[in-house]
C-alpha cells in the first residue's frame, strides 16, 4: 500500500475537518454544476469505475485517439504526432494527454493538471495537489473483445512513491447515452432554499421559502 507524503496527508486531513463544518451541496458554486450533471469529474482522466456510468468509448482516427467517458460525458483528445506538452503555465482539469505506440500498446503521457483537481483520492478534490500529478497510461488489446488498462500514478506532492493499477475492460454492444441530470435543473432551488431555511431554524412546512 502506498502512503501519503507529509503534506499530502495534511491536505487530506484538512479537508476532512472542513467537511465536518461545510456541506458543499448547500453552496451554489458546488451545487449548480454538480447537481445539474455538468461538473468536472475525476473519471475524465482515469478509467477506474465509479458508482455507475462506467462505459468508455475509445475511437482512433488519423493522428488522434479520443477517450470518452459516460460519466459527465468527459472526452479526451489524444494527439499521436509526437508534439510536446504545452508550457507548464498551462493547466487543465483533465491534464494534457500525449500518446504514442509501443508495439501494440497505446501509451498516453498525461501532465499539466490544474492545481485544484483531485490528488487521486476521491475526498481530496480541490485541495491544490493536482499540479504535481503525472500519469502514464497503457492500453493493450488482450483479446478480440478485451482491453487491459494500466496506469502508473506519480504524484510526489501527495504520495510516497509511484504505483501502478491495472483494470481489464471488455467490449459490450450498445450506445453510450448523454449523461444529463434533468432533475438537477429543477432541484437546485429546493436544495439551496431548504439549506437557508435550516440555517434560520425554520421547521419543515412552516417557514415558506
Protein backbone atom coordinates (compact mmCIF):
# COMPACT_ATOMS: atom_id res chain seq x y z
CA UNK A 1 0.00 0.00 0.00
CA UNK A 2 1.33 3.42 -0.97
CA UNK A 3 1.34 6.01 1.78
CA UNK A 4 0.86 9.76 1.65
CA UNK A 5 3.63 12.30 1.76
CA UNK A 6 3.54 14.53 4.83
CA UNK A 7 1.96 17.49 3.04
CA UNK A 8 -0.42 15.27 1.09
CA UNK A 9 -1.70 13.82 4.36
CA UNK A 10 -2.04 17.31 5.83
CA UNK A 11 -4.21 18.32 2.87
CA UNK A 12 -6.37 15.23 3.23
CA UNK A 13 -6.86 15.71 6.96
CA UNK A 14 -7.59 19.39 6.42
CA UNK A 15 -10.40 18.53 4.02
CA UNK A 16 -11.86 16.00 6.44
CA UNK A 17 -12.01 18.69 9.11
CA UNK A 18 -13.57 21.13 6.67
CA UNK A 19 -16.24 18.66 5.58
CA UNK A 20 -17.49 18.42 9.17
CA UNK A 21 -18.43 22.11 9.06
CA UNK A 22 -19.32 22.76 5.42
CA UNK A 23 -21.98 20.97 3.44
CA UNK A 24 -20.78 21.53 -0.13
CA UNK A 25 -24.12 20.85 -1.82
CA UNK A 26 -25.55 23.82 0.12
CA UNK A 27 -23.22 26.14 -1.74
CA UNK A 28 -24.35 27.44 -5.14
CA UNK A 29 -20.81 27.19 -6.51
CA UNK A 30 -20.83 23.40 -5.97
CA UNK A 31 -24.48 22.55 -6.36
CA UNK A 32 -25.13 24.44 -9.59
CA UNK A 33 -22.69 22.37 -11.62
CA UNK A 34 -22.62 19.01 -9.88
CA UNK A 35 -26.36 18.54 -9.35
CA UNK A 36 -27.04 19.58 -12.94
CA UNK A 37 -24.59 16.94 -14.15
CA UNK A 38 -22.13 19.35 -15.77
CA UNK A 39 -19.38 19.39 -13.16
CA UNK A 40 -15.83 18.23 -13.64
CA UNK A 41 -15.25 14.58 -12.84
CA UNK A 42 -12.18 12.54 -11.87
CA UNK A 43 -13.39 9.96 -14.32
CA UNK A 44 -12.20 12.24 -17.08
CA UNK A 45 -8.58 11.21 -16.74
CA UNK A 46 -8.64 7.67 -15.35
CA UNK A 47 -10.56 4.54 -16.24
CA UNK A 48 -11.39 3.48 -12.69
CA UNK A 49 -15.06 2.59 -12.24
CA UNK A 50 -17.34 4.77 -10.14
CA UNK A 51 -20.79 4.10 -8.71
CA UNK A 52 -22.42 3.99 -12.14
CA UNK A 53 -21.97 5.13 -15.77
CA UNK A 54 -18.69 3.24 -16.23
CA UNK A 55 -18.79 2.81 -20.00
CA UNK A 56 -15.94 4.22 -22.11
CA UNK A 57 -15.75 4.75 -25.87
CA UNK A 58 -12.28 4.75 -27.48
CA UNK A 59 -12.04 5.89 -31.10
CA UNK A 60 -8.94 6.03 -33.26
CA UNK A 61 -8.59 8.37 -36.24
CA UNK A 62 -5.62 9.53 -38.25
CA UNK A 63 -3.18 11.08 -35.78
CA UNK A 64 -5.54 11.02 -32.80
CA UNK A 65 -7.31 8.83 -30.26
CA UNK A 66 -10.37 10.03 -28.37
CA UNK A 67 -11.40 8.61 -24.99
CA UNK A 68 -14.97 9.44 -23.98
CA UNK A 69 -16.36 8.56 -20.55
CA UNK A 70 -20.04 8.00 -19.97
CA UNK A 71 -19.83 9.73 -16.59
CA UNK A 72 -20.14 13.52 -17.10
CA UNK A 73 -19.52 12.76 -20.84
CA UNK A 74 -15.88 13.82 -20.40
CA UNK A 75 -13.77 13.34 -23.53
CA UNK A 76 -10.03 13.48 -24.09
CA UNK A 77 -8.45 14.07 -27.48
CA UNK A 78 -5.01 12.44 -27.51
CA UNK A 79 -2.61 13.54 -30.29
CA UNK A 80 -0.27 10.85 -31.63
CA UNK A 81 2.11 13.07 -33.61
CA UNK A 82 4.94 13.42 -31.06
CA UNK A 83 4.07 17.03 -30.28
CA UNK A 84 5.41 18.15 -26.85
CA UNK A 85 3.29 19.08 -23.88
CA UNK A 86 2.48 22.78 -23.64
CA UNK A 87 4.17 25.11 -21.18
CA UNK A 88 3.81 24.21 -17.52
CA UNK A 89 1.98 27.53 -17.15
CA UNK A 90 -0.99 25.95 -19.00
CA UNK A 91 -3.01 23.81 -16.59
CA UNK A 92 -6.07 21.75 -17.49
CA UNK A 93 -8.66 19.98 -15.35
CA UNK A 94 -8.12 16.70 -17.21
CA UNK A 95 -4.45 17.34 -17.79
CA UNK A 96 -2.71 17.37 -21.17
CA UNK A 97 -2.50 14.00 -22.95
CA UNK A 98 0.13 12.94 -25.49
CA UNK A 99 0.16 9.44 -26.97
CA UNK A 100 2.44 7.13 -28.91
CA UNK A 101 2.58 3.45 -29.83
CA UNK A 102 4.92 0.87 -28.31
CA UNK A 103 4.18 -2.17 -30.46
CA UNK A 104 0.52 -2.95 -29.94
CA UNK A 105 0.23 -0.81 -26.81
CA UNK A 106 -1.03 2.75 -26.82
CA UNK A 107 0.96 4.75 -24.24
CA UNK A 108 -0.51 8.05 -23.05
CA UNK A 109 1.51 10.55 -21.00
CA UNK A 110 -0.67 12.97 -19.01
CA UNK A 111 0.72 16.06 -17.28
CA UNK A 112 -0.15 19.75 -16.74
CA UNK A 113 -3.01 19.13 -14.32
CA UNK A 114 -4.78 22.11 -12.84
CA UNK A 115 -3.81 22.68 -9.17
CA UNK A 116 -7.41 22.38 -7.99
CA UNK A 117 -8.16 18.83 -9.20
CA UNK A 118 -8.10 15.68 -7.10
CA UNK A 119 -4.84 14.09 -5.99
CA UNK A 120 -6.13 10.64 -6.94
CA UNK A 121 -8.22 10.35 -3.82
CA UNK A 122 -11.99 10.88 -4.07
CA UNK A 123 -12.11 13.03 -0.93
CA UNK A 124 -9.04 15.12 -1.75
CA UNK A 125 -10.71 17.09 -4.53
CA UNK A 126 -9.98 20.81 -4.82
CA UNK A 127 -7.05 20.75 -2.37
CA UNK A 128 -4.45 22.07 -4.79
CA UNK A 129 -2.47 18.86 -5.15
CA UNK A 130 -3.03 18.26 -8.83
CA UNK A 131 -0.12 20.32 -10.14
CA UNK A 132 2.39 17.53 -9.41
CA UNK A 133 0.24 14.68 -10.74
CA UNK A 134 1.73 12.70 -13.66
CA UNK A 135 0.11 9.68 -15.30
CA UNK A 136 1.45 7.06 -17.69
CA UNK A 137 -1.44 5.07 -19.19
CA UNK A 138 -1.14 1.90 -21.27
CA UNK A 139 -3.95 0.46 -23.39
CA UNK A 140 -3.30 -3.08 -24.71
CA UNK A 141 -5.59 -5.44 -26.61
CA UNK A 142 -5.55 -8.82 -24.86
CA UNK A 143 -8.30 -10.41 -26.94
CA UNK A 144 -10.84 -9.67 -29.64
CA UNK A 145 -13.18 -8.18 -27.06
CA UNK A 146 -10.80 -7.38 -24.20
CA UNK A 147 -8.58 -4.43 -23.35
CA UNK A 148 -6.09 -4.12 -20.49
CA UNK A 149 -5.70 -0.66 -18.95
CA UNK A 150 -2.63 0.07 -16.84
CA UNK A 151 -1.89 3.41 -15.23
CA UNK A 152 1.17 4.47 -13.27
CA UNK A 153 0.40 7.27 -10.85
CA UNK A 154 3.24 9.56 -9.88
CA UNK A 155 2.39 12.50 -7.63
CA UNK A 156 5.43 13.36 -5.49
CA UNK A 157 3.48 16.12 -3.78
CA UNK A 158 0.95 13.60 -2.47
CA UNK A 159 2.25 10.02 -2.45
CA UNK A 160 5.45 8.48 -1.12
CA UNK A 161 6.24 6.72 -4.40
CA UNK A 162 4.69 5.97 -7.79
CA UNK A 163 2.36 3.00 -8.08
CA UNK A 164 0.55 1.15 -10.87
CA UNK A 165 -3.05 -0.03 -11.13
CA UNK A 166 -4.47 -2.47 -13.70
CA UNK A 167 -8.05 -2.79 -14.94
CA UNK A 168 -9.31 -5.28 -17.53
CA UNK A 169 -12.11 -4.00 -19.77
CA UNK A 170 -14.49 -5.93 -22.01
CA UNK A 171 -16.24 -4.79 -25.15
CA UNK A 172 -20.00 -4.56 -24.97
CA UNK A 173 -22.66 -3.76 -27.52
CA UNK A 174 -24.91 -0.76 -27.36
CA UNK A 175 -24.70 3.02 -27.28
CA UNK A 176 -23.46 5.47 -24.70
CA UNK A 177 -26.18 7.99 -24.00
CA UNK A 178 -25.83 11.56 -22.87
CA UNK A 179 -25.17 11.99 -19.16
CA UNK A 180 -27.71 14.59 -18.07
CA UNK A 181 -29.48 15.01 -14.73
CA UNK A 182 -32.63 16.95 -15.62
CA UNK A 183 -33.86 16.68 -12.05
CA UNK A 184 -30.85 18.73 -11.05
CA UNK A 185 -32.09 21.64 -13.12
CA UNK A 186 -35.31 21.66 -11.08
CA UNK A 187 -33.92 20.55 -7.73
CA UNK A 188 -31.17 23.08 -7.12
CA UNK A 189 -33.54 25.81 -5.98
CA UNK A 190 -35.11 23.47 -3.41
CA UNK A 191 -31.71 22.30 -2.16
CA UNK A 192 -30.48 25.84 -1.58
CA UNK A 193 -33.74 27.22 -0.16
CA UNK A 194 -34.05 24.28 2.24
CA UNK A 195 -30.48 24.81 3.42
CA UNK A 196 -31.10 28.51 4.06
CA UNK A 197 -34.32 27.65 5.92
CA UNK A 198 -32.42 25.14 8.03
CA UNK A 199 -29.88 27.82 8.90
CA UNK A 200 -32.73 30.09 10.06
CA UNK A 201 -34.16 27.31 12.18
CA UNK A 202 -37.36 27.04 10.16
CA UNK A 203 -39.32 23.81 10.69
CA UNK A 204 -40.32 21.87 7.57
CA UNK A 205 -43.65 23.09 6.17
CA UNK A 206 -43.82 26.14 8.46
CA UNK A 207 -41.49 28.74 7.11
CA UNK A 208 -42.08 29.06 3.41
CA UNK A 209 -39.24 29.93 1.11
